[in-house]
Each structure stands twice: as C-alpha cells, then as structure tokens.
Amino acid sequence: MKKYIVFGICCLALLLSAASIYGQGGFTGGNAAPQVDSARAVQIAQTRFPVGASVIEIEWELEKGWSEWEVKAIRNGMSYSVKINGENGQIISYRERQYTQRQPVPQPPQNRVSFENIRQSALSAVPGGVIVEIEWKHSHGRWIYVVEVRPQQGRKIKIHFDSVTGSQITRTWS
C-alpha cells in the first residue's frame, strides 16, 4: 500500500511541476510563433556580449515542445553564444570560446526578410507541416534562412530561403 501512495505522490508532483512550467510560458506546440521575436532575442543576447561583437547567426528551435532562440556573435577571436527561452525571454545559457574560422564573415544585410515572413513562407510551402527550426546564417557567400519542417507524413523537409528576397533557394528531404 505504501508503494502506491509514494507512486501517487510522485505522479502528482510531476504533474504539478509540468503544469507550473506550462503556466510560465515555457512550452509551445504546433506552429505557434514564439512570444519573443528575433529582434528582442538579439537585444537580450547583446546584454551578455562584449561591446562591438557582431551577430553572425540567429536560430529559433522548437525542441521537445520548448521554444528557444540561440544568438551567436564574434569579436576579437572569441565566439559567444546565448540561448534564450522563446516564451519569456529568460537567458537559459551563455557560452564563450576561441573562434577559429578561415574566412571572415561579411556584414549581415540590414534589409533582411523577417523570421515571421519566412515562417509563413515555409508553412505555405508545406501545408499542414510543423516548423521545427529556423536558422539565419551566412553560407556559401550569402545570408540565408534554413527552415526545417516536419510534414504530416513522410520525411523532414529542409528549405533554404534567400534572407534578402525571401525566395526559396532549395528544398531537401532528410
């Protein structure tokens, strides 16, 4: 009998902690846009970066139901990474390390298409799909968005968009 009481208490504690997390806005599902947008995520990350650091990558990810931003920057041979809760803007983690890249990253375009517009384009391209990740980065000489979409059936689809025009570059299945 004691085992059942202990088991029940453990289940209740687990349920209450999950409800608490959900109530704090840490969980999102489906294709809900994060409460914290990309511009705000960069502002939050810049509070941890040294003055003059250049943002080189912004990524939003829906990982196991959690909405999370990762903002990366570089300055003077160092790489900085800040992970931010996409629902409430709290910093989850901060990391810095030596940065080694053969070629310098060019300055990002000021007139890039927004994360929200790219998200809508990806959802239009894969009706009924669920966006798992959106990443903005420099690759092969240009700034792009890479969007991973999980369709209702079949393999995950990765769509590359030009970050200035918003046009689709490639689509691959994994």
Protein backbone atom coordinates (compact mmCIF):
# COMPACT_ATOMS: atom_id res chain seq x y z
CA MET A 1 0.00 0.00 0.00
CA LYS A 2 2.87 2.36 0.83
CA LYS A 3 4.28 1.87 -2.68
CA TYR A 4 1.02 3.08 -4.23
CA ILE A 5 0.89 6.16 -2.01
CA VAL A 6 4.51 7.06 -2.81
CA PHE A 7 3.88 6.42 -6.50
CA GLY A 8 0.77 8.63 -6.40
CA ILE A 9 2.64 11.45 -4.66
CA CYS A 10 5.46 11.26 -7.23
CA CYS A 11 2.96 11.38 -10.12
CA LEU A 12 1.18 14.35 -8.54
CA ALA A 13 4.48 16.20 -8.06
CA LEU A 14 5.44 15.55 -11.67
CA LEU A 15 2.06 16.73 -12.91
CA LEU A 16 2.22 19.91 -10.81
CA SER A 17 5.74 20.75 -11.97
CA ALA A 18 4.72 20.25 -15.62
CA ALA A 19 1.67 22.49 -15.10
CA SER A 20 3.91 25.10 -13.46
CA ILE A 21 6.30 25.10 -16.41
CA TYR A 22 3.41 25.33 -18.87
CA GLY A 23 1.88 28.18 -16.88
CA GLN A 24 5.15 30.14 -17.03
CA GLY A 25 5.01 30.10 -20.82
CA GLY A 26 7.93 27.74 -21.35
CA PHE A 27 6.04 25.36 -23.59
CA THR A 28 4.64 25.89 -27.04
CA GLY A 29 3.37 23.47 -29.62
CA GLY A 30 2.32 23.22 -33.24
CA ASN A 31 3.16 26.29 -35.29
CA ALA A 32 2.73 28.94 -32.65
CA ALA A 33 5.19 31.77 -33.16
CA PRO A 34 7.47 32.39 -30.18
CA GLN A 35 6.42 35.20 -27.82
CA VAL A 36 9.92 36.69 -28.04
CA ASP A 37 10.71 37.74 -31.63
CA SER A 38 14.16 37.63 -33.26
CA ALA A 39 14.88 41.33 -32.69
CA ARG A 40 14.12 41.02 -28.97
CA ALA A 41 16.20 37.82 -28.74
CA VAL A 42 19.18 39.71 -30.21
CA GLN A 43 18.65 42.58 -27.73
CA ILE A 44 18.61 40.13 -24.83
CA ALA A 45 21.73 38.33 -26.11
CA GLN A 46 23.61 41.59 -26.58
CA THR A 47 23.35 42.25 -22.84
CA ARG A 48 25.83 39.36 -22.44
CA PHE A 49 28.05 40.03 -25.48
CA PRO A 50 31.03 42.39 -25.26
CA VAL A 51 30.61 45.81 -26.86
CA GLY A 52 31.30 45.63 -30.60
CA ALA A 53 30.51 41.92 -31.02
CA SER A 54 28.96 41.11 -34.41
CA VAL A 55 25.92 38.81 -34.54
CA ILE A 56 26.65 36.06 -37.07
CA GLU A 57 23.80 33.61 -36.52
CA ILE A 58 20.27 33.58 -35.11
CA GLU A 59 18.36 30.34 -34.65
CA TRP A 60 14.89 29.55 -33.36
CA GLU A 61 14.11 25.96 -32.49
CA LEU A 62 11.13 24.04 -31.21
CA GLU A 63 12.85 21.29 -29.27
CA LYS A 64 10.60 18.78 -27.49
CA GLY A 65 7.91 21.44 -27.23
CA TRP A 66 10.26 24.16 -25.93
CA SER A 67 10.65 27.37 -27.92
CA GLU A 68 14.27 28.53 -27.80
CA TRP A 69 16.44 31.17 -29.50
CA GLU A 70 20.20 30.88 -29.91
CA VAL A 71 22.12 34.00 -30.88
CA LYS A 72 25.81 33.75 -31.83
CA ALA A 73 28.32 36.58 -32.15
CA ILE A 74 32.07 37.03 -32.66
CA ARG A 75 34.66 39.62 -31.62
CA ASN A 76 38.48 39.60 -31.43
CA GLY A 77 38.91 35.86 -31.96
CA MET A 78 36.17 34.87 -29.50
CA SER A 79 32.79 33.27 -30.21
CA TYR A 80 29.78 33.96 -27.96
CA SER A 81 26.51 32.04 -27.77
CA VAL A 82 23.39 32.88 -25.75
CA LYS A 83 20.33 30.60 -25.53
CA ILE A 84 17.06 32.34 -24.66
CA ASN A 85 13.63 30.99 -23.72
CA GLY A 86 11.38 31.89 -26.67
CA GLU A 87 8.34 32.37 -24.47
CA ASN A 88 9.55 34.55 -21.60
CA GLY A 89 12.94 35.92 -22.75
CA GLN A 90 14.99 34.44 -19.90
CA ILE A 91 18.59 33.55 -20.66
CA ILE A 92 18.99 29.77 -20.49
CA SER A 93 22.73 29.56 -21.09
CA TYR A 94 25.78 31.57 -22.12
CA ARG A 95 28.97 30.22 -23.68
CA GLU A 96 32.18 31.77 -24.97
CA ARG A 97 35.17 30.13 -26.63
CA GLN A 98 38.02 30.69 -29.05
CA TYR A 99 36.75 31.37 -32.56
CA THR A 100 38.58 29.79 -35.46
CA GLN A 101 37.28 30.42 -38.96
CA ARG A 102 39.40 30.68 -42.08
CA GLN A 103 37.44 33.46 -43.75
CA PRO A 104 35.87 36.47 -42.06
CA VAL A 105 32.07 36.58 -42.01
CA PRO A 106 30.76 39.52 -44.07
CA GLN A 107 28.49 42.11 -42.51
CA PRO A 108 24.85 40.88 -42.41
CA PRO A 109 22.31 42.66 -44.62
CA GLN A 110 20.23 45.34 -42.90
CA ASN A 111 17.18 44.69 -45.07
CA ARG A 112 16.60 41.00 -44.42
CA VAL A 113 13.19 39.36 -44.52
CA SER A 114 11.73 38.81 -41.03
CA PHE A 115 11.64 35.44 -39.27
CA GLU A 116 7.82 35.67 -39.27
CA ASN A 117 7.63 36.11 -43.06
CA ILE A 118 10.00 33.17 -43.60
CA ARG A 119 7.94 31.08 -41.16
CA GLN A 120 4.77 31.85 -43.14
CA SER A 121 6.52 31.04 -46.45
CA ALA A 122 7.67 27.67 -45.09
CA LEU A 123 4.17 26.83 -43.82
CA SER A 124 2.74 27.73 -47.24
CA ALA A 125 5.33 25.50 -48.93
CA VAL A 126 4.45 22.52 -46.70
CA PRO A 127 0.71 22.76 -45.84
CA GLY A 128 -0.06 21.06 -42.54
CA GLY A 129 3.63 20.83 -41.61
CA VAL A 130 5.12 21.76 -38.24
CA ILE A 131 8.17 24.02 -38.14
CA VAL A 132 10.92 22.50 -36.04
CA GLU A 133 13.73 25.01 -36.61
CA ILE A 134 14.51 28.33 -38.34
CA GLU A 135 18.13 29.39 -38.67
CA TRP A 136 19.60 32.58 -40.16
CA LYS A 137 23.25 32.28 -41.13
CA HIS A 138 25.95 33.00 -43.70
CA SER A 139 26.56 30.07 -46.05
CA HIS A 140 28.30 29.76 -49.43
CA GLY A 141 28.74 33.51 -49.88
CA ARG A 142 25.24 34.66 -48.91
CA TRP A 143 22.96 35.13 -45.91
CA ILE A 144 20.18 32.55 -45.83
CA TYR A 145 17.39 31.13 -43.72
CA VAL A 146 17.27 27.37 -43.25
CA VAL A 147 13.85 26.09 -42.14
CA GLU A 148 13.21 22.50 -41.03
CA VAL A 149 9.59 21.41 -41.40
CA ARG A 150 8.08 18.12 -40.28
CA PRO A 151 5.22 17.29 -42.71
CA GLN A 152 2.11 15.37 -41.65
CA GLN A 153 3.55 12.33 -43.39
CA GLY A 154 6.99 11.49 -44.72
CA ARG A 155 10.49 12.72 -44.04
CA LYS A 156 11.54 16.07 -42.59
CA ILE A 157 11.97 18.83 -45.20
CA LYS A 158 14.74 21.43 -45.10
CA ILE A 159 14.00 24.61 -47.10
CA HIS A 160 16.64 27.28 -47.81
CA PHE A 161 15.46 30.87 -48.40
CA ASP A 162 17.45 33.93 -49.51
CA SER A 163 17.43 36.27 -46.50
CA VAL A 164 17.09 39.48 -48.57
CA THR A 165 14.48 38.47 -51.16
CA GLY A 166 12.70 35.70 -49.24
CA SER A 167 12.77 33.49 -52.33
CA GLN A 168 13.16 29.74 -51.94
CA ILE A 169 16.62 28.51 -52.96
CA THR A 170 16.48 24.76 -52.36
CA ARG A 171 14.37 22.06 -50.74
CA THR A 172 15.78 18.78 -49.47
CA TRP A 173 14.34 15.80 -47.60
CA SER A 174 16.08 14.01 -44.75
